[in-house]
Each structure stands twice: as structure tokens, then as C-alpha cells.
């Protein structure tokens, strides 16, 4: 990949990562529930989810999702159901103030569950598949080996997501750390739960031609 092409793609990566969506909500929710450092475990899952999408697009399955109504609808509604499920879980979470990471207190933290949650948010999202299917080919040199180009793209997008989602998680953990009363914590959790449900609603309205 030529440097000028990579630079253009790298700029696009920042726009993709900064754009608000279910991934940003997941990162902020992780920061709210578990703090900045532990929030990065969920972010690792988000990045793995993006890489899964890129593999899907790279091997050609993305074209199937984009052209097959059944495949698209199946994956879309699984994604909608999962986002709504996360929203309900956030609404029902215990209203405990965010504890300091080093104290090991606060809501129960299970690393593999956090990674899985982050992965599913990005991987089970046909909107992301269709988006990457439209964006990635614009930066590919079809006359050169594709695998190294996809690797560079994956690392670039992973880096920008690592930085941006970390910013979202850090913002949530620092700003919301001051919430001490159960009423404030519960209200905040319900806001984030509602955002997950809203993300699911937007995904439900998404169509392949959008």
C-alpha cells in the first residue's frame, strides 16, 4: 500500500472510530461500570469484533451479507436483539458507585465476558459489514497482494479504535466516578441502557441500500 493511500485510509479510520454508535456506548458503559483500565478489556473485544468484520469482508462473505436478503435480515435482527439485551441488562444492573480500579470493588468484573460483550457488539452488525464493504475496496490496490493490505488496514483501524474508545471509556469513568448516590448511579445506568436500545432501534431501521 502506497503511503499516500494509507494516509487517506488512516484519516478515514479516525472518522469511523469517532462516529458515535453502539461501540462508543459499549466503551462508555464499560468505563462507567468498571473504570478506565478494566474498560479496555471491553475495548479489546470491540477491536476483535471489527477485525472479524474485516475478515468477513476480506474472504467475500460481506458480499453475501450485502446481497442476500435472508443473510442480512438474520444477522441484523440478531444484532438488534443483542443490543436491546445489553440495554435491559444495564437498566437492571445494581446501582453501585464506581469503585477505584485498584480496590477490586464495584460491579462484578469477568474479563472473558467483557471481551465477548465487546466482540459481539461489533461483530454481529451487518451495518458494519456493508460499510466496510463499501469503504475498504476504495483503498485496495487490486494488482498487489491483498492480505498485507488488509493487515495494514486492520492494524490502522484497530489503533484508532483503541485510542478513541479508550477516550470514551476514560470520559465515562472520570466524569461519572463522582456519582455517589444510588439515585444518580441508577439514572446514569438507565441512560446508557436506553442508548443501547436506541442503537438497536437504529440498526433495526438500517437497510442495505442506506
Protein backbone atom coordinates (compact mmCIF):
# COMPACT_ATOMS: atom_id res chain seq x y z
CA UNK A 1 0.00 0.00 0.00
CA UNK A 2 1.40 3.38 -1.00
CA UNK A 3 1.96 5.85 1.81
CA UNK A 4 -0.49 8.41 0.36
CA UNK A 5 -3.19 5.75 0.13
CA UNK A 6 -2.54 4.60 3.68
CA UNK A 7 -2.63 8.19 4.94
CA UNK A 8 -6.05 8.71 3.37
CA UNK A 9 -7.29 5.46 4.89
CA UNK A 10 -5.82 6.38 8.28
CA UNK A 11 -7.75 9.66 8.20
CA UNK A 12 -10.90 7.71 7.35
CA UNK A 13 -10.20 5.41 10.31
CA UNK A 14 -10.38 8.32 12.73
CA UNK A 15 -13.73 9.40 11.28
CA UNK A 16 -15.02 5.82 11.52
CA UNK A 17 -13.88 5.42 15.13
CA UNK A 18 -15.10 8.81 16.37
CA UNK A 19 -18.56 8.39 14.83
CA UNK A 20 -20.96 7.64 17.72
CA UNK A 21 -22.54 4.22 17.67
CA UNK A 22 -23.03 1.03 19.63
CA UNK A 23 -19.26 0.63 20.09
CA UNK A 24 -18.96 4.04 21.73
CA UNK A 25 -21.88 3.24 24.03
CA UNK A 26 -20.25 -0.08 24.96
CA UNK A 27 -16.94 1.64 25.74
CA UNK A 28 -18.61 4.31 27.89
CA UNK A 29 -20.69 1.68 29.67
CA UNK A 30 -17.53 -0.31 30.44
CA UNK A 31 -15.89 2.84 31.80
CA UNK A 32 -18.95 3.57 33.92
CA UNK A 33 -19.26 0.05 35.33
CA UNK A 34 -15.63 -0.97 35.74
CA UNK A 35 -13.35 2.05 35.39
CA UNK A 36 -10.86 3.13 32.76
CA UNK A 37 -8.31 0.31 32.90
CA UNK A 38 -10.82 -2.51 33.03
CA UNK A 39 -12.84 -0.75 30.36
CA UNK A 40 -10.02 -1.52 27.95
CA UNK A 41 -10.87 -5.21 28.22
CA UNK A 42 -14.21 -4.49 26.58
CA UNK A 43 -12.44 -2.27 24.04
CA UNK A 44 -10.20 -5.23 23.14
CA UNK A 45 -13.39 -7.13 22.36
CA UNK A 46 -14.67 -4.24 20.23
CA UNK A 47 -11.46 -4.28 18.19
CA UNK A 48 -11.66 -8.05 17.75
CA UNK A 49 -15.20 -7.52 16.50
CA UNK A 50 -14.01 -5.00 13.91
CA UNK A 51 -11.26 -7.38 12.79
CA UNK A 52 -13.88 -10.14 12.47
CA UNK A 53 -15.89 -7.86 10.20
CA UNK A 54 -12.78 -7.17 8.10
CA UNK A 55 -12.09 -10.89 7.75
CA UNK A 56 -15.70 -11.41 6.68
CA UNK A 57 -15.35 -8.70 4.05
CA UNK A 58 -11.90 -9.93 3.00
CA UNK A 59 -12.99 -13.51 2.29
CA UNK A 60 -16.04 -12.36 0.36
CA UNK A 61 -18.77 -13.17 2.87
CA UNK A 62 -19.50 -9.46 3.14
CA UNK A 63 -20.81 -9.53 -0.42
CA UNK A 64 -23.20 -12.32 0.59
CA UNK A 65 -24.49 -10.27 3.51
CA UNK A 66 -24.88 -7.25 1.26
CA UNK A 67 -26.77 -9.11 -1.48
CA UNK A 68 -28.67 -11.85 0.35
CA UNK A 69 -31.84 -10.56 2.00
CA UNK A 70 -32.09 -13.61 4.26
CA UNK A 71 -28.48 -13.43 5.48
CA UNK A 72 -28.71 -9.69 6.02
CA UNK A 73 -32.01 -9.82 7.92
CA UNK A 74 -30.89 -12.74 10.07
CA UNK A 75 -27.68 -11.06 11.18
CA UNK A 76 -29.40 -7.70 11.59
CA UNK A 77 -32.08 -8.97 13.94
CA UNK A 78 -29.58 -10.97 15.96
CA UNK A 79 -27.65 -7.71 16.38
CA UNK A 80 -30.80 -5.78 17.31
CA UNK A 81 -31.76 -8.39 19.90
CA UNK A 82 -28.27 -8.34 21.42
CA UNK A 83 -28.15 -4.55 21.73
CA UNK A 84 -31.60 -4.48 23.35
CA UNK A 85 -30.48 -7.25 25.70
CA UNK A 86 -27.45 -5.17 26.74
CA UNK A 87 -29.74 -2.21 27.33
CA UNK A 88 -32.06 -4.22 29.56
CA UNK A 89 -29.08 -5.61 31.47
CA UNK A 90 -27.78 -2.10 32.05
CA UNK A 91 -31.19 -0.97 33.31
CA UNK A 92 -31.29 -3.89 35.75
CA UNK A 93 -27.67 -3.56 36.96
CA UNK A 94 -27.17 -2.83 40.68
CA UNK A 95 -26.88 0.91 41.35
CA UNK A 96 -23.40 0.84 42.90
CA UNK A 97 -20.99 3.80 42.73
CA UNK A 98 -17.92 3.25 40.58
CA UNK A 99 -15.10 2.00 42.77
CA UNK A 100 -11.41 2.62 42.24
CA UNK A 101 -9.89 0.04 39.89
CA UNK A 102 -7.24 -0.94 42.41
CA UNK A 103 -9.78 -1.75 45.13
CA UNK A 104 -11.44 -4.56 43.21
CA UNK A 105 -14.87 -3.37 44.30
CA UNK A 106 -17.95 -2.29 42.41
CA UNK A 107 -19.89 -4.38 39.88
CA UNK A 108 -18.57 -7.90 39.23
CA UNK A 109 -15.95 -7.94 36.50
CA UNK A 110 -15.35 -11.00 34.33
CA UNK A 111 -12.68 -10.34 31.66
CA UNK A 112 -13.79 -13.00 29.18
CA UNK A 113 -17.41 -11.89 29.46
CA UNK A 114 -16.30 -8.29 28.83
CA UNK A 115 -14.31 -9.35 25.75
CA UNK A 116 -17.23 -11.38 24.44
CA UNK A 117 -19.63 -8.48 25.01
CA UNK A 118 -17.41 -6.07 23.12
CA UNK A 119 -16.79 -8.54 20.30
CA UNK A 120 -20.49 -9.23 19.79
CA UNK A 121 -21.39 -5.53 19.66
CA UNK A 122 -19.20 -5.00 16.57
CA UNK A 123 -19.18 -8.46 15.00
CA UNK A 124 -22.95 -9.02 14.92
CA UNK A 125 -23.66 -5.84 12.98
CA UNK A 126 -24.43 -6.09 9.26
CA UNK A 127 -24.35 -2.30 9.06
CA UNK A 128 -20.62 -2.50 9.79
CA UNK A 129 -20.18 -5.23 7.18
CA UNK A 130 -21.91 -3.23 4.46
CA UNK A 131 -20.00 -0.09 5.48
CA UNK A 132 -16.61 -1.80 5.33
CA UNK A 133 -17.58 -3.48 2.07
CA UNK A 134 -18.17 -0.02 0.61
CA UNK A 135 -15.07 1.65 2.12
CA UNK A 136 -12.21 -0.88 2.02
CA UNK A 137 -12.13 -1.56 -1.74
CA UNK A 138 -11.54 2.14 -2.40
CA UNK A 139 -8.11 1.87 -0.78
CA UNK A 140 -7.05 -1.52 -2.16
CA UNK A 141 -4.50 -1.99 -4.92
CA UNK A 142 -6.01 -4.99 -6.72
CA UNK A 143 -2.76 -5.51 -8.63
CA UNK A 144 -0.83 -6.18 -5.41
CA UNK A 145 -1.21 -8.95 -2.79
CA UNK A 146 -4.37 -8.23 -0.79
CA UNK A 147 -3.50 -9.94 2.50
CA UNK A 148 -0.77 -7.43 3.52
CA UNK A 149 -3.08 -4.54 2.60
CA UNK A 150 -5.91 -5.93 4.75
CA UNK A 151 -3.42 -6.43 7.59
CA UNK A 152 -2.30 -2.78 7.41
CA UNK A 153 -5.94 -1.65 7.33
CA UNK A 154 -6.85 -3.87 10.29
CA UNK A 155 -3.96 -2.56 12.39
CA UNK A 156 -4.74 1.05 11.45
CA UNK A 157 -8.42 0.78 12.32
CA UNK A 158 -7.58 -1.16 15.47
CA UNK A 159 -5.21 1.60 16.58
CA UNK A 160 -7.70 4.43 16.07
CA UNK A 161 -10.43 2.46 17.82
CA UNK A 162 -8.06 1.70 20.72
CA UNK A 163 -7.41 5.42 21.19
CA UNK A 164 -10.93 6.73 20.59
CA UNK A 165 -12.80 4.06 22.56
CA UNK A 166 -10.29 4.49 25.36
CA UNK A 167 -11.20 8.18 25.36
CA UNK A 168 -14.89 7.32 25.63
CA UNK A 169 -14.24 4.87 28.47
CA UNK A 170 -11.97 7.33 30.28
CA UNK A 171 -14.51 10.13 29.96
CA UNK A 172 -17.24 7.94 31.41
CA UNK A 173 -15.10 6.67 34.26
CA UNK A 174 -13.74 10.08 35.28
CA UNK A 175 -16.87 12.18 34.88
CA UNK A 176 -19.20 9.59 36.34
CA UNK A 177 -16.85 8.50 39.15
CA UNK A 178 -18.17 11.41 41.20
CA UNK A 179 -21.67 9.92 41.26
CA UNK A 180 -22.15 8.55 44.73
CA UNK A 181 -25.89 8.36 45.44
CA UNK A 182 -27.82 5.32 44.24
CA UNK A 183 -30.36 7.55 42.54
CA UNK A 184 -27.69 9.25 40.40
CA UNK A 185 -25.98 5.98 39.51
CA UNK A 186 -29.27 4.31 38.65
CA UNK A 187 -30.30 7.25 36.44
CA UNK A 188 -26.97 7.16 34.62
CA UNK A 189 -27.18 3.41 34.08
CA UNK A 190 -30.65 3.80 32.63
CA UNK A 191 -29.42 6.49 30.26
CA UNK A 192 -26.75 4.11 28.96
CA UNK A 193 -29.25 1.26 28.83
CA UNK A 194 -31.57 3.45 26.78
CA UNK A 195 -28.69 4.31 24.43
CA UNK A 196 -28.13 0.60 23.77
CA UNK A 197 -31.83 0.16 22.98
CA UNK A 198 -31.69 3.25 20.75
CA UNK A 199 -28.67 1.81 18.92
CA UNK A 200 -30.68 -1.36 18.42
CA UNK A 201 -33.59 0.66 17.04
CA UNK A 202 -31.32 2.43 14.55
CA UNK A 203 -29.91 -0.93 13.46
CA UNK A 204 -33.44 -2.25 13.01
CA UNK A 205 -34.18 0.65 10.65
CA UNK A 206 -30.98 0.15 8.66
CA UNK A 207 -31.42 -1.14 5.11
CA UNK A 208 -28.82 -2.43 2.68
CA UNK A 209 -29.44 0.44 0.29
CA UNK A 210 -28.89 3.07 3.03
